[in-house]
Protein backbone atom coordinates (compact mmCIF):
# COMPACT_ATOMS: atom_id res chain seq x y z
CA MET A 1 -114.23 97.43 54.67
CA GLU A 2 -116.76 96.79 51.98
CA GLN A 3 -115.43 97.47 48.57
CA GLY A 4 -118.83 98.10 47.07
CA GLY A 5 -118.74 101.88 47.60
CA PRO A 6 -118.04 104.40 44.86
CA VAL A 7 -114.67 104.22 43.14
CA MET A 8 -112.44 107.10 44.26
CA ILE A 9 -109.26 106.24 42.32
CA GLU A 10 -108.91 104.08 39.23
CA ILE A 11 -105.48 103.36 37.74
CA ARG A 12 -105.00 101.24 34.63
CA GLY A 13 -101.79 100.24 32.86
CA LEU A 14 -99.69 102.91 34.59
CA GLU A 15 -96.06 103.12 33.49
CA LYS A 16 -93.35 105.56 34.53
CA TRP A 17 -89.74 105.69 33.35
CA PHE A 18 -86.82 107.77 34.56
CA GLY A 19 -84.44 107.59 31.61
CA GLY A 20 -83.74 103.88 31.14
CA PHE A 21 -85.10 102.93 34.58
CA ARG A 22 -88.64 101.59 34.74
CA ALA A 23 -90.08 102.94 38.01
CA LEU A 24 -93.62 101.64 37.41
CA GLY A 25 -94.70 98.88 35.05
CA GLY A 26 -98.33 98.19 34.22
CA ILE A 27 -99.94 99.20 37.53
CA ASP A 28 -103.67 98.45 37.90
CA LEU A 29 -105.32 99.65 41.09
CA THR A 30 -108.86 100.53 42.19
CA VAL A 31 -109.45 102.37 45.48
CA HIS A 32 -112.97 102.80 46.84
CA ALA A 33 -114.22 105.76 48.87
CA GLY A 34 -113.32 105.32 52.54
CA GLU A 35 -110.80 102.58 51.84
CA ARG A 36 -107.43 102.62 53.61
CA ILE A 37 -104.52 101.26 51.60
CA VAL A 38 -100.98 100.69 52.88
CA LEU A 39 -98.22 100.39 50.26
CA CYS A 40 -95.07 98.61 51.36
CA GLY A 41 -92.01 97.14 49.70
CA PRO A 42 -88.24 97.59 49.43
CA SER A 43 -86.61 100.90 48.55
CA GLY A 44 -86.91 101.73 44.86
CA SER A 45 -89.99 99.55 44.35
CA GLY A 46 -92.10 102.44 43.00
CA LYS A 47 -94.35 103.13 46.01
CA SER A 48 -93.65 106.86 46.25
CA THR A 49 -93.67 107.28 42.48
CA LEU A 50 -97.12 105.68 42.36
CA ILE A 51 -98.70 108.09 44.84
CA ARG A 52 -96.87 111.05 43.29
CA CYS A 53 -98.48 110.13 39.95
CA ILE A 54 -101.93 110.28 41.57
CA ASN A 55 -101.62 114.00 42.33
CA GLN A 56 -99.38 114.68 39.31
CA LEU A 57 -96.16 115.51 41.11
CA GLU A 58 -94.91 112.95 38.58
CA THR A 59 -96.41 112.54 35.13
CA ALA A 60 -97.01 108.96 33.98
CA ASP A 61 -95.61 107.90 30.61
CA LYS A 62 -98.46 105.53 29.87
CA GLY A 63 -101.78 104.46 31.34
CA ARG A 64 -104.86 106.06 32.83
CA ILE A 65 -105.57 107.71 36.20
CA VAL A 66 -109.08 108.79 37.22
CA VAL A 67 -109.59 110.46 40.62
CA ASP A 68 -113.16 111.10 41.79
CA GLY A 69 -114.36 111.01 38.19
CA ILE A 70 -111.67 113.40 36.91
CA GLU A 71 -109.34 111.88 34.32
CA LEU A 72 -105.74 113.04 34.35
CA GLY A 73 -103.87 113.50 31.11
CA ARG A 74 -100.88 115.30 29.72
CA ASN A 75 -103.03 118.03 28.18
CA ALA A 76 -105.33 118.68 31.10
CA PRO A 77 -103.85 121.35 33.40
CA ARG A 78 -107.30 122.15 34.77
CA ALA A 79 -107.76 118.50 35.71
CA VAL A 80 -104.45 118.64 37.62
CA GLU A 81 -105.62 121.73 39.53
CA ALA A 82 -108.94 120.05 40.31
CA ILE A 83 -107.21 116.89 41.53
CA ARG A 84 -104.84 118.81 43.77
CA ARG A 85 -107.79 120.49 45.44
CA GLU A 86 -109.28 117.06 46.22
CA VAL A 87 -106.10 115.13 47.10
CA GLY A 88 -104.06 115.99 50.20
CA MET A 89 -100.42 114.96 50.39
CA VAL A 90 -98.16 114.58 53.42
CA PHE A 91 -94.45 114.15 52.72
CA GLN A 92 -91.56 112.57 54.54
CA HIS A 93 -89.92 115.94 55.25
CA PHE A 94 -92.93 118.04 56.28
CA ASN A 95 -92.42 120.70 53.51
CA LEU A 96 -93.78 123.52 55.66
CA PHE A 97 -92.95 127.08 54.61
CA PRO A 98 -90.27 128.17 57.12
CA HIS A 99 -91.08 131.91 56.84
CA LEU A 100 -94.78 131.43 57.67
CA THR A 101 -96.31 130.66 61.06
CA VAL A 102 -98.16 127.39 61.61
CA LEU A 103 -101.50 129.16 61.14
CA GLU A 104 -100.29 130.92 57.96
CA ASN A 105 -99.04 127.59 56.57
CA CYS A 106 -102.52 126.14 57.06
CA THR A 107 -104.50 129.04 55.56
CA LEU A 108 -102.34 129.76 52.49
CA ALA A 109 -103.82 127.16 50.12
CA PRO A 110 -107.51 127.55 51.10
CA VAL A 111 -107.30 131.34 50.66
CA HIS A 112 -105.43 131.26 47.35
CA ALA A 113 -106.57 128.00 45.73
CA ARG A 114 -110.11 127.69 47.09
CA LYS A 115 -110.71 131.45 47.46
CA THR A 116 -111.88 130.89 51.04
CA ARG A 117 -112.32 134.05 53.13
CA ARG A 118 -109.38 134.46 55.50
CA ALA A 119 -111.55 134.45 58.65
CA ALA A 120 -113.21 131.19 57.59
CA ALA A 121 -109.85 129.66 56.62
CA GLU A 122 -108.38 130.59 60.00
CA ALA A 123 -111.36 129.14 61.86
CA THR A 124 -110.99 125.84 59.93
CA ALA A 125 -107.23 125.82 60.50
CA ARG A 126 -107.62 126.33 64.25
CA ARG A 127 -110.19 123.53 64.44
CA LEU A 128 -107.88 121.14 62.57
CA LEU A 129 -104.78 122.17 64.54
CA GLU A 130 -106.75 121.39 67.69
CA ARG A 131 -107.73 118.02 66.22
CA VAL A 132 -104.05 117.09 65.66
CA GLN A 133 -103.19 118.55 69.10
CA VAL A 134 -100.95 121.45 68.05
CA LEU A 135 -103.32 124.42 68.34
CA ASP A 136 -101.07 125.91 71.04
CA GLN A 137 -98.31 126.16 68.39
CA ALA A 138 -100.42 128.19 65.91
CA ASP A 139 -98.34 131.39 66.12
CA LYS A 140 -94.93 129.69 66.09
CA TYR A 141 -92.69 129.06 63.08
CA PRO A 142 -91.85 125.51 61.92
CA SER A 143 -88.26 125.76 63.23
CA GLN A 144 -89.65 126.20 66.75
CA LEU A 145 -91.49 122.84 66.60
CA SER A 146 -90.37 119.24 67.07
CA GLY A 147 -90.41 116.93 64.05
CA GLY A 148 -93.56 115.21 65.30
CA GLN A 149 -95.31 118.55 65.75
CA GLN A 150 -94.25 119.70 62.27
CA GLN A 151 -95.62 116.53 60.71
CA ARG A 152 -98.93 116.94 62.53
CA VAL A 153 -99.09 120.53 61.26
CA ALA A 154 -98.43 119.18 57.74
CA ILE A 155 -101.39 116.81 58.16
CA ALA A 156 -103.62 119.65 59.40
CA ARG A 157 -102.48 121.82 56.48
CA ALA A 158 -103.48 119.11 53.99
CA LEU A 159 -106.86 118.68 55.73
CA CYS A 160 -107.56 122.43 55.51
CA MET A 161 -108.24 121.91 51.80
CA GLU A 162 -111.00 119.43 52.77
CA PRO A 163 -109.58 116.71 50.52
CA LYS A 164 -111.46 113.57 49.55
CA VAL A 165 -108.24 111.53 49.52
CA MET A 166 -105.11 111.71 51.68
CA LEU A 167 -101.75 110.44 50.40
CA PHE A 168 -98.94 109.82 52.90
CA ASP A 169 -95.38 109.30 51.65
CA GLU A 170 -93.44 107.64 54.49
CA PRO A 171 -94.74 110.25 56.96
CA THR A 172 -92.82 108.88 59.96
CA SER A 173 -89.49 107.85 58.42
CA ALA A 174 -87.75 111.20 59.15
CA LEU A 175 -88.92 111.28 62.78
CA ASP A 176 -87.18 110.28 65.97
CA PRO A 177 -88.69 107.03 67.32
CA GLU A 178 -90.44 108.74 70.25
CA MET A 179 -92.26 111.07 67.82
CA VAL A 180 -93.57 108.34 65.52
CA LYS A 181 -96.50 107.37 67.74
CA GLU A 182 -98.00 110.87 67.90
CA VAL A 183 -98.11 111.08 64.09
CA LEU A 184 -99.46 107.54 63.67
CA ASP A 185 -102.15 108.26 66.28
CA THR A 186 -103.23 111.27 64.23
CA MET A 187 -103.43 109.10 61.11
CA ILE A 188 -105.37 106.40 62.95
CA GLY A 189 -107.90 109.06 63.99
CA LEU A 190 -108.31 110.10 60.35
CA ALA A 191 -108.80 106.50 59.27
CA GLN A 192 -111.47 105.98 61.91
CA GLU A 193 -113.36 108.97 60.52
CA GLY A 194 -113.56 107.28 57.11
CA MET A 195 -110.96 109.25 55.14
CA THR A 196 -109.84 107.57 51.91
CA MET A 197 -106.11 107.04 52.48
CA ILE A 198 -103.11 105.64 50.65
CA CYS A 199 -100.06 105.42 52.87
CA VAL A 200 -96.51 104.43 51.94
CA THR A 201 -94.97 103.19 55.18
CA HIS A 202 -92.79 100.58 56.85
CA GLU A 203 -94.89 100.81 60.03
CA MET A 204 -96.38 97.34 59.91
CA GLY A 205 -98.23 97.76 63.21
CA PHE A 206 -100.09 100.68 61.63
CA ALA A 207 -100.83 98.54 58.56
CA ARG A 208 -102.28 95.76 60.72
CA GLN A 209 -104.42 98.19 62.73
CA VAL A 210 -105.69 100.53 60.04
CA ALA A 211 -105.42 99.12 56.52
CA ASP A 212 -108.28 97.53 54.65
CA ARG A 213 -105.73 96.30 52.14
CA VAL A 214 -101.95 95.96 52.22
CA ILE A 215 -100.18 96.12 48.85
CA PHE A 216 -96.64 94.84 48.40
CA MET A 217 -94.63 96.34 45.54
CA ALA A 218 -91.28 95.30 44.07
CA GLN A 219 -89.44 96.48 40.95
CA GLY A 220 -92.25 98.82 39.93
CA GLU A 221 -95.01 96.21 40.07
CA ILE A 222 -97.76 95.15 42.47
CA VAL A 223 -96.68 91.70 43.62
CA GLU A 224 -99.40 90.98 46.14
CA GLN A 225 -102.39 92.63 47.82
CA ALA A 226 -104.57 91.28 50.60
CA PRO A 227 -106.40 92.25 53.80
CA PRO A 228 -103.85 92.65 56.64
CA GLU A 229 -104.67 89.40 58.40
CA ARG A 230 -104.01 87.32 55.29
CA PHE A 231 -101.10 89.48 54.16
CA PHE A 232 -99.17 89.03 57.41
CA THR A 233 -100.09 85.45 58.27
CA ALA A 234 -100.32 83.76 54.86
CA PRO A 235 -98.52 85.75 52.14
CA ALA A 236 -98.80 84.01 48.78
CA HIS A 237 -95.56 85.14 47.11
CA GLU A 238 -91.99 84.29 47.97
CA ARG A 239 -90.89 87.93 47.55
CA THR A 240 -93.56 89.05 50.03
CA LYS A 241 -92.46 86.41 52.55
CA ARG A 242 -88.83 87.50 52.18
CA PHE A 243 -89.73 91.17 52.68
CA LEU A 244 -91.85 90.45 55.76
CA GLY A 245 -89.07 88.28 57.15
CA GLU A 246 -86.62 91.16 56.82
CA ILE A 247 -88.89 93.88 58.16
CA LEU A 248 -90.47 91.87 60.99
CA GLY A 249 -87.31 89.99 61.85
CA HIS A 250 -88.50 86.42 61.37
């Protein structure tokens, strides 16, 4: 992936503290349009906090975040609204509304946040549910679906807002092993269509296949970043080698 395209996300000097615990320390990161980034690292290394700062589910204590030319700041609620319209997020635990059908889950945000007409929102939702292969579940409730189906609905729901960036926070870690592939296949399809993506995951096969850049984090810092081939075959840092040894079993 050429990194000469427009900058979609720019992060400089990002810091986040939870009480006395430093979750992020001095993060610098530039993501170009169409680039696919995989974030990996041990538990508590700041990966999820980093992507949650991008769409302001967490507020940074210091530093600068610019998404698609919009700068986020403590006193910019309109900027936060604008960012959330452009940035889709898929969580570990689906976060579907249990009292709404699949179709209603997918049309809620476009109708209320984007003021899309309901008929148009439903047409878009059905097209995207078909794309993630769950259109036949449109009138069911989340509790009637498997975990893999719920996660694919969550992806379709995020796409219904027509985001410019998709953030994935360990999207397969709550799934049974046999359901992981169907979700990863959906994400691979998105990547092939050129979606700008940042994905927190331990699925190293996905990282090898899809990522333009793999970033290893530890103790709230970016330790190493490289294209997948170099990252997996010739990591530069001892901490990266140790992590890969543990996760890949060698």
